[in-house]
Amino acid sequence: MTVRRRAGRVRASLTRRVRALRATGDGGMATAEYALVMVAAAALAGILLLVIRSPFVQELLEALFRRALGGG
């Protein structure tokens, strides 16, 4: 077998393998990334909830709404 013929077979084999890998995709990776984003979003929502419930922020929001509605 010549070197060119062997190289052609190796190239064809690698091409088939790459196509097979591309066909399967990385759905598991996307699912794991989605789960991490969801956990981070839930944590951020919890932190924002704590901040909004604090008396200082509630007073700021009340003053802002009063001023916006012309009541003070």
PDB file of N, CA and C in Angstrom:
ATOM      1  N   MET A   1       0.850  -1.160   0.000  1.00  0.00           N
ATOM      2  CA  MET A   1       0.000   0.000   0.000  1.00  0.00           C
ATOM      3  C   MET A   1       0.908   1.240   0.000  1.00  0.00           C
ATOM      4  N   THR A   2       0.570   2.164  -0.820  1.00  0.00           N
ATOM      5  CA  THR A   2       1.402   3.355  -0.922  1.00  0.00           C
ATOM      6  C   THR A   2       1.059   4.330   0.200  1.00  0.00           C
ATOM      7  N   VAL A   3       1.935   5.285   0.395  1.00  0.00           N
ATOM      8  CA  VAL A   3       1.733   6.283   1.449  1.00  0.00           C
ATOM      9  C   VAL A   3       0.504   7.136   1.139  1.00  0.00           C
ATOM     10  N   ARG A   4       0.330   7.487  -0.121  1.00  0.00           N
ATOM     11  CA  ARG A   4      -0.830   8.297  -0.496  1.00  0.00           C
ATOM     12  C   ARG A   4      -2.134   7.561  -0.248  1.00  0.00           C
ATOM     13  N   ARG A   5      -2.132   6.294  -0.562  1.00  0.00           N
ATOM     14  CA  ARG A   5      -3.353   5.496  -0.380  1.00  0.00           C
ATOM     15  C   ARG A   5      -3.673   5.377   1.112  1.00  0.00           C
ATOM     16  N   ARG A   6      -2.659   5.138   1.926  1.00  0.00           N
ATOM     17  CA  ARG A   6      -2.862   5.018   3.364  1.00  0.00           C
ATOM     18  C   ARG A   6      -3.335   6.360   3.937  1.00  0.00           C
ATOM     19  N   ALA A   7      -2.741   7.450   3.492  1.00  0.00           N
ATOM     20  CA  ALA A   7      -3.152   8.770   3.954  1.00  0.00           C
ATOM     21  C   ALA A   7      -4.607   9.046   3.575  1.00  0.00           C
ATOM     22  N   GLY A   8      -5.001   8.638   2.396  1.00  0.00           N
ATOM     23  CA  GLY A   8      -6.385   8.825   1.958  1.00  0.00           C
ATOM     24  C   GLY A   8      -7.356   8.063   2.838  1.00  0.00           C
ATOM     25  N   ARG A   9      -6.981   6.830   3.206  1.00  0.00           N
ATOM     26  CA  ARG A   9      -7.848   6.025   4.076  1.00  0.00           C
ATOM     27  C   ARG A   9      -7.939   6.626   5.474  1.00  0.00           C
ATOM     28  N   VAL A  10      -6.810   7.091   5.992  1.00  0.00           N
ATOM     29  CA  VAL A  10      -6.814   7.713   7.320  1.00  0.00           C
ATOM     30  C   VAL A  10      -7.670   8.974   7.291  1.00  0.00           C
ATOM     31  N   ARG A  11      -7.506   9.776   6.255  1.00  0.00           N
ATOM     32  CA  ARG A  11      -8.287  11.006   6.123  1.00  0.00           C
ATOM     33  C   ARG A  11      -9.779  10.681   6.053  1.00  0.00           C
ATOM     34  N   ALA A  12     -10.137   9.680   5.278  1.00  0.00           N
ATOM     35  CA  ALA A  12     -11.548   9.303   5.157  1.00  0.00           C
ATOM     36  C   ALA A  12     -12.094   8.814   6.499  1.00  0.00           C
ATOM     37  N   SER A  13     -11.285   8.032   7.225  1.00  0.00           N
ATOM     38  CA  SER A  13     -11.715   7.536   8.528  1.00  0.00           C
ATOM     39  C   SER A  13     -11.924   8.688   9.510  1.00  0.00           C
ATOM     40  N   LEU A  14     -10.990   9.628   9.524  1.00  0.00           N
ATOM     41  CA  LEU A  14     -11.119  10.774  10.420  1.00  0.00           C
ATOM     42  C   LEU A  14     -12.321  11.637  10.047  1.00  0.00           C
ATOM     43  N   THR A  15     -12.553  11.783   8.753  1.00  0.00           N
ATOM     44  CA  THR A  15     -13.701  12.564   8.302  1.00  0.00           C
ATOM     45  C   THR A  15     -15.003  11.940   8.781  1.00  0.00           C
ATOM     46  N   ARG A  16     -15.103  10.607   8.684  1.00  0.00           N
ATOM     47  CA  ARG A  16     -16.307   9.917   9.163  1.00  0.00           C
ATOM     48  C   ARG A  16     -16.486  10.115  10.666  1.00  0.00           C
ATOM     49  N   ARG A  17     -15.395  10.025  11.409  1.00  0.00           N
ATOM     50  CA  ARG A  17     -15.487  10.194  12.867  1.00  0.00           C
ATOM     51  C   ARG A  17     -15.920  11.608  13.241  1.00  0.00           C
ATOM     52  N   VAL A  18     -15.351  12.589  12.578  1.00  0.00           N
ATOM     53  CA  VAL A  18     -15.715  13.985  12.867  1.00  0.00           C
ATOM     54  C   VAL A  18     -17.180  14.222  12.534  1.00  0.00           C
ATOM     55  N   ARG A  19     -17.646  13.709  11.425  1.00  0.00           N
ATOM     56  CA  ARG A  19     -19.054  13.882  11.056  1.00  0.00           C
ATOM     57  C   ARG A  19     -19.971  13.211  12.071  1.00  0.00           C
ATOM     58  N   ALA A  20     -19.560  12.032  12.551  1.00  0.00           N
ATOM     59  CA  ALA A  20     -20.370  11.340  13.553  1.00  0.00           C
ATOM     60  C   ALA A  20     -20.431  12.146  14.855  1.00  0.00           C
ATOM     61  N   LEU A  21     -19.315  12.727  15.267  1.00  0.00           N
ATOM     62  CA  LEU A  21     -19.304  13.544  16.482  1.00  0.00           C
ATOM     63  C   LEU A  21     -20.148  14.797  16.326  1.00  0.00           C
ATOM     64  N   ARG A  22     -20.071  15.414  15.160  1.00  0.00           N
ATOM     65  CA  ARG A  22     -20.871  16.612  14.927  1.00  0.00           C
ATOM     66  C   ARG A  22     -22.351  16.289  14.909  1.00  0.00           C
ATOM     67  N   ALA A  23     -22.703  15.123  14.448  1.00  0.00           N
ATOM     68  CA  ALA A  23     -24.110  14.734  14.380  1.00  0.00           C
ATOM     69  C   ALA A  23     -24.704  14.534  15.762  1.00  0.00           C
ATOM     70  N   THR A  24     -23.887  14.072  16.722  1.00  0.00           N
ATOM     71  CA  THR A  24     -24.402  13.831  18.067  1.00  0.00           C
ATOM     72  C   THR A  24     -24.615  15.130  18.819  1.00  0.00           C
ATOM     73  N   GLY A  25     -23.849  16.161  18.536  1.00  0.00           N
ATOM     74  CA  GLY A  25     -24.015  17.445  19.199  1.00  0.00           C
ATOM     75  C   GLY A  25     -23.512  17.419  20.627  1.00  0.00           C
ATOM     76  N   ASP A  26     -23.762  18.519  21.338  1.00  0.00           N
ATOM     77  CA  ASP A  26     -23.345  18.599  22.733  1.00  0.00           C
ATOM     78  C   ASP A  26     -24.541  18.971  23.594  1.00  0.00           C
ATOM     79  N   GLY A  27     -25.606  18.247  23.444  1.00  0.00           N
ATOM     80  CA  GLY A  27     -26.821  18.522  24.197  1.00  0.00           C
ATOM     81  C   GLY A  27     -26.631  18.455  25.691  1.00  0.00           C
ATOM     82  N   GLY A  28     -25.794  17.558  26.158  1.00  0.00           N
ATOM     83  CA  GLY A  28     -25.536  17.471  27.591  1.00  0.00           C
ATOM     84  C   GLY A  28     -24.859  18.712  28.121  1.00  0.00           C
ATOM     85  N   MET A  29     -23.943  19.253  27.346  1.00  0.00           N
ATOM     86  CA  MET A  29     -23.265  20.478  27.759  1.00  0.00           C
ATOM     87  C   MET A  29     -24.278  21.616  27.858  1.00  0.00           C
ATOM     88  N   ALA A  30     -25.148  21.715  26.886  1.00  0.00           N
ATOM     89  CA  ALA A  30     -26.136  22.791  26.898  1.00  0.00           C
ATOM     90  C   ALA A  30     -27.064  22.635  28.096  1.00  0.00           C
ATOM     91  N   THR A  31     -27.418  21.416  28.442  1.00  0.00           N
ATOM     92  CA  THR A  31     -28.290  21.173  29.582  1.00  0.00           C
ATOM     93  C   THR A  31     -27.593  21.559  30.874  1.00  0.00           C
ATOM     94  N   ALA A  32     -26.328  21.212  31.019  1.00  0.00           N
ATOM     95  CA  ALA A  32     -25.578  21.564  32.227  1.00  0.00           C
ATOM     96  C   ALA A  32     -25.421  23.072  32.339  1.00  0.00           C
ATOM     97  N   GLU A  33     -25.133  23.736  31.237  1.00  0.00           N
ATOM     98  CA  GLU A  33     -25.008  25.191  31.266  1.00  0.00           C
ATOM     99  C   GLU A  33     -26.340  25.837  31.616  1.00  0.00           C
ATOM    100  N   TYR A  34     -27.408  25.310  31.088  1.00  0.00           N
ATOM    101  CA  TYR A  34     -28.739  25.832  31.394  1.00  0.00           C
ATOM    102  C   TYR A  34     -29.036  25.691  32.883  1.00  0.00           C
ATOM    103  N   ALA A  35     -28.684  24.547  33.449  1.00  0.00           N
ATOM    104  CA  ALA A  35     -28.928  24.324  34.876  1.00  0.00           C
ATOM    105  C   ALA A  35     -28.123  25.308  35.720  1.00  0.00           C
ATOM    106  N   LEU A  36     -26.878  25.558  35.359  1.00  0.00           N
ATOM    107  CA  LEU A  36     -26.065  26.508  36.117  1.00  0.00           C
ATOM    108  C   LEU A  36     -26.633  27.918  36.026  1.00  0.00           C
ATOM    109  N   VAL A  37     -27.101  28.300  34.868  1.00  0.00           N
ATOM    110  CA  VAL A  37     -27.693  29.629  34.715  1.00  0.00           C
ATOM    111  C   VAL A  37     -28.958  29.734  35.551  1.00  0.00           C
ATOM    112  N   MET A  38     -29.748  28.691  35.585  1.00  0.00           N
ATOM    113  CA  MET A  38     -30.979  28.717  36.384  1.00  0.00           C
ATOM    114  C   MET A  38     -30.667  28.844  37.875  1.00  0.00           C
ATOM    115  N   VAL A  39     -29.648  28.136  38.353  1.00  0.00           N
ATOM    116  CA  VAL A  39     -29.256  28.236  39.761  1.00  0.00           C
ATOM    117  C   VAL A  39     -28.768  29.651  40.068  1.00  0.00           C
ATOM    118  N   ALA A  40     -27.962  30.202  39.175  1.00  0.00           N
ATOM    119  CA  ALA A  40     -27.467  31.564  39.376  1.00  0.00           C
ATOM    120  C   ALA A  40     -28.611  32.572  39.366  1.00  0.00           C
ATOM    121  N   ALA A  41     -29.574  32.395  38.479  1.00  0.00           N
ATOM    122  CA  ALA A  41     -30.723  33.304  38.420  1.00  0.00           C
ATOM    123  C   ALA A  41     -31.559  33.218  39.694  1.00  0.00           C
ATOM    124  N   ALA A  42     -31.742  32.016  40.209  1.00  0.00           N
ATOM    125  CA  ALA A  42     -32.497  31.855  41.454  1.00  0.00           C
ATOM    126  C   ALA A  42     -31.767  32.509  42.622  1.00  0.00           C
ATOM    127  N   ALA A  43     -30.442  32.374  42.663  1.00  0.00           N
ATOM    128  CA  ALA A  43     -29.664  33.010  43.727  1.00  0.00           C
ATOM    129  C   ALA A  43     -29.762  34.528  43.631  1.00  0.00           C
ATOM    130  N   LEU A  44     -29.665  35.063  42.431  1.00  0.00           N
ATOM    131  CA  LEU A  44     -29.776  36.500  42.241  1.00  0.00           C
ATOM    132  C   LEU A  44     -31.166  37.001  42.635  1.00  0.00           C
ATOM    133  N   ALA A  45     -32.189  36.253  42.283  1.00  0.00           N
ATOM    134  CA  ALA A  45     -33.547  36.632  42.653  1.00  0.00           C
ATOM    135  C   ALA A  45     -33.704  36.661  44.172  1.00  0.00           C
ATOM    136  N   GLY A  46     -33.106  35.688  44.868  1.00  0.00           N
ATOM    137  CA  GLY A  46     -33.161  35.671  46.327  1.00  0.00           C
ATOM    138  C   GLY A  46     -32.468  36.873  46.938  1.00  0.00           C
ATOM    139  N   ILE A  47     -31.314  37.229  46.395  1.00  0.00           N
ATOM    140  CA  ILE A  47     -30.587  38.390  46.907  1.00  0.00           C
ATOM    141  C   ILE A  47     -31.380  39.670  46.666  1.00  0.00           C
ATOM    142  N   LEU A  48     -31.951  39.810  45.464  1.00  0.00           N
ATOM    143  CA  LEU A  48     -32.757  40.991  45.167  1.00  0.00           C
ATOM    144  C   LEU A  48     -33.980  41.081  46.076  1.00  0.00           C
ATOM    145  N   LEU A  49     -34.575  39.954  46.375  1.00  0.00           N
ATOM    146  CA  LEU A  49     -35.730  39.935  47.268  1.00  0.00           C
ATOM    147  C   LEU A  49     -35.343  40.425  48.661  1.00  0.00           C
ATOM    148  N   LEU A  50     -34.190  39.981  49.152  1.00  0.00           N
ATOM    149  CA  LEU A  50     -33.717  40.443  50.457  1.00  0.00           C
ATOM    150  C   LEU A  50     -33.450  41.946  50.448  1.00  0.00           C
ATOM    151  N   VAL A  51     -32.853  42.422  49.372  1.00  0.00           N
ATOM    152  CA  VAL A  51     -32.539  43.852  49.287  1.00  0.00           C
ATOM    153  C   VAL A  51     -33.819  44.674  49.242  1.00  0.00           C
ATOM    154  N   ILE A  52     -34.782  44.249  48.436  1.00  0.00           N
ATOM    155  CA  ILE A  52     -36.021  45.015  48.285  1.00  0.00           C
ATOM    156  C   ILE A  52     -36.830  45.018  49.575  1.00  0.00           C
ATOM    157  N   ARG A  53     -36.744  43.968  50.349  1.00  0.00           N
ATOM    158  CA  ARG A  53     -37.496  43.895  51.605  1.00  0.00           C
ATOM    159  C   ARG A  53     -36.839  44.671  52.751  1.00  0.00           C
ATOM    160  N   SER A  54     -35.627  45.143  52.541  1.00  0.00           N
ATOM    161  CA  SER A  54     -34.957  45.887  53.610  1.00  0.00           C
ATOM    162  C   SER A  54     -35.683  47.217  53.834  1.00  0.00           C
ATOM    163  N   PRO A  55     -35.739  47.676  55.090  1.00  0.00           N
ATOM    164  CA  PRO A  55     -36.449  48.927  55.385  1.00  0.00           C
ATOM    165  C   PRO A  55     -35.884  50.133  54.628  1.00  0.00           C
ATOM    166  N   PHE A  56     -34.591  50.200  54.469  1.00  0.00           N
ATOM    167  CA  PHE A  56     -33.975  51.331  53.777  1.00  0.00           C
ATOM    168  C   PHE A  56     -34.465  51.423  52.330  1.00  0.00           C
ATOM    169  N   VAL A  57     -34.457  50.305  51.642  1.00  0.00           N
ATOM    170  CA  VAL A  57     -34.886  50.307  50.237  1.00  0.00           C
ATOM    171  C   VAL A  57     -36.377  50.572  50.134  1.00  0.00           C
ATOM    172  N   GLN A  58     -37.154  50.058  51.077  1.00  0.00           N
ATOM    173  CA  GLN A  58     -38.592  50.321  51.050  1.00  0.00           C
ATOM    174  C   GLN A  58     -38.883  51.810  51.226  1.00  0.00           C
ATOM    175  N   GLU A  59     -38.138  52.462  52.116  1.00  0.00           N
ATOM    176  CA  GLU A  59     -38.322  53.905  52.296  1.00  0.00           C
ATOM    177  C   GLU A  59     -37.945  54.661  51.023  1.00  0.00           C
ATOM    178  N   LEU A  60     -36.849  54.250  50.387  1.00  0.00           N
ATOM    179  CA  LEU A  60     -36.447  54.896  49.141  1.00  0.00           C
ATOM    180  C   LEU A  60     -37.514  54.740  48.060  1.00  0.00           C
ATOM    181  N   LEU A  61     -38.053  53.546  47.944  1.00  0.00           N
ATOM    182  CA  LEU A  61     -39.080  53.304  46.926  1.00  0.00           C
ATOM    183  C   LEU A  61     -40.350  54.098  47.214  1.00  0.00           C
ATOM    184  N   GLU A  62     -40.744  54.159  48.487  1.00  0.00           N
ATOM    185  CA  GLU A  62     -41.938  54.927  48.843  1.00  0.00           C
ATOM    186  C   GLU A  62     -41.739  56.405  48.514  1.00  0.00           C
ATOM    187  N   ALA A  63     -40.566  56.944  48.847  1.00  0.00           N
ATOM    188  CA  ALA A  63     -40.282  58.352  48.539  1.00  0.00           C
ATOM    189  C   ALA A  63     -40.289  58.586  47.029  1.00  0.00           C
ATOM    190  N   LEU A  64     -39.738  57.661  46.288  1.00  0.00           N
ATOM    191  CA  LEU A  64     -39.710  57.786  44.830  1.00  0.00           C
ATOM    192  C   LEU A  64     -41.118  57.795  44.252  1.00  0.00           C
ATOM    193  N   PHE A  65     -41.968  56.893  44.734  1.00  0.00           N
ATOM    194  CA  PHE A  65     -43.340  56.841  44.228  1.00  0.00           C
ATOM    195  C   PHE A  65     -44.132  58.079  44.637  1.00  0.00           C
ATOM    196  N   ARG A  66     -43.912  58.540  45.864  1.00  0.00           N
ATOM    197  CA  ARG A  66     -44.611  59.756  46.292  1.00  0.00           C
ATOM    198  C   ARG A  66     -44.236  60.940  45.405  1.00  0.00           C
ATOM    199  N   ARG A  67     -42.929  61.061  45.143  1.00  0.00           N
ATOM    200  CA  ARG A  67     -42.449  62.166  44.325  1.00  0.00           C
ATOM    201  C   ARG A  67     -42.981  62.028  42.885  1.00  0.00           C
ATOM    202  N   ALA A  68     -42.990  60.804  42.360  1.00  0.00           N
ATOM    203  CA  ALA A  68     -43.445  60.568  40.982  1.00  0.00           C
ATOM    204  C   ALA A  68     -44.931  60.858  40.837  1.00  0.00           C
ATOM    205  N   LEU A  69     -45.709  60.591  41.892  1.00  0.00           N
ATOM    206  CA  LEU A  69     -47.155  60.799  41.826  1.00  0.00           C
ATOM    207  C   LEU A  69     -47.539  62.199  42.297  1.00  0.00           C
ATOM    208  N   GLY A  70     -46.550  62.989  42.658  1.00  0.00           N
ATOM    209  CA  GLY A  70     -46.833  64.379  43.028  1.00  0.00           C
ATOM    210  C   GLY A  70     -47.335  64.552  44.440  1.00  0.00           C
ATOM    211  N   GLY A  71     -47.117  63.560  45.275  1.00  0.00           N
ATOM    212  CA  GLY A  71     -47.621  63.667  46.645  1.00  0.00           C
ATOM    213  C   GLY A  71     -46.598  64.161  47.640  1.00  0.00           C
ATOM    214  N   GLY A  72     -45.457  64.595  47.213  1.00  0.00           N
ATOM    215  CA  GLY A  72     -44.569  65.063  48.248  1.00  0.00           C
ATOM    216  C   GLY A  72     -43.259  65.420  47.729  1.00  0.00           C
TER     217      GLY A  72
END
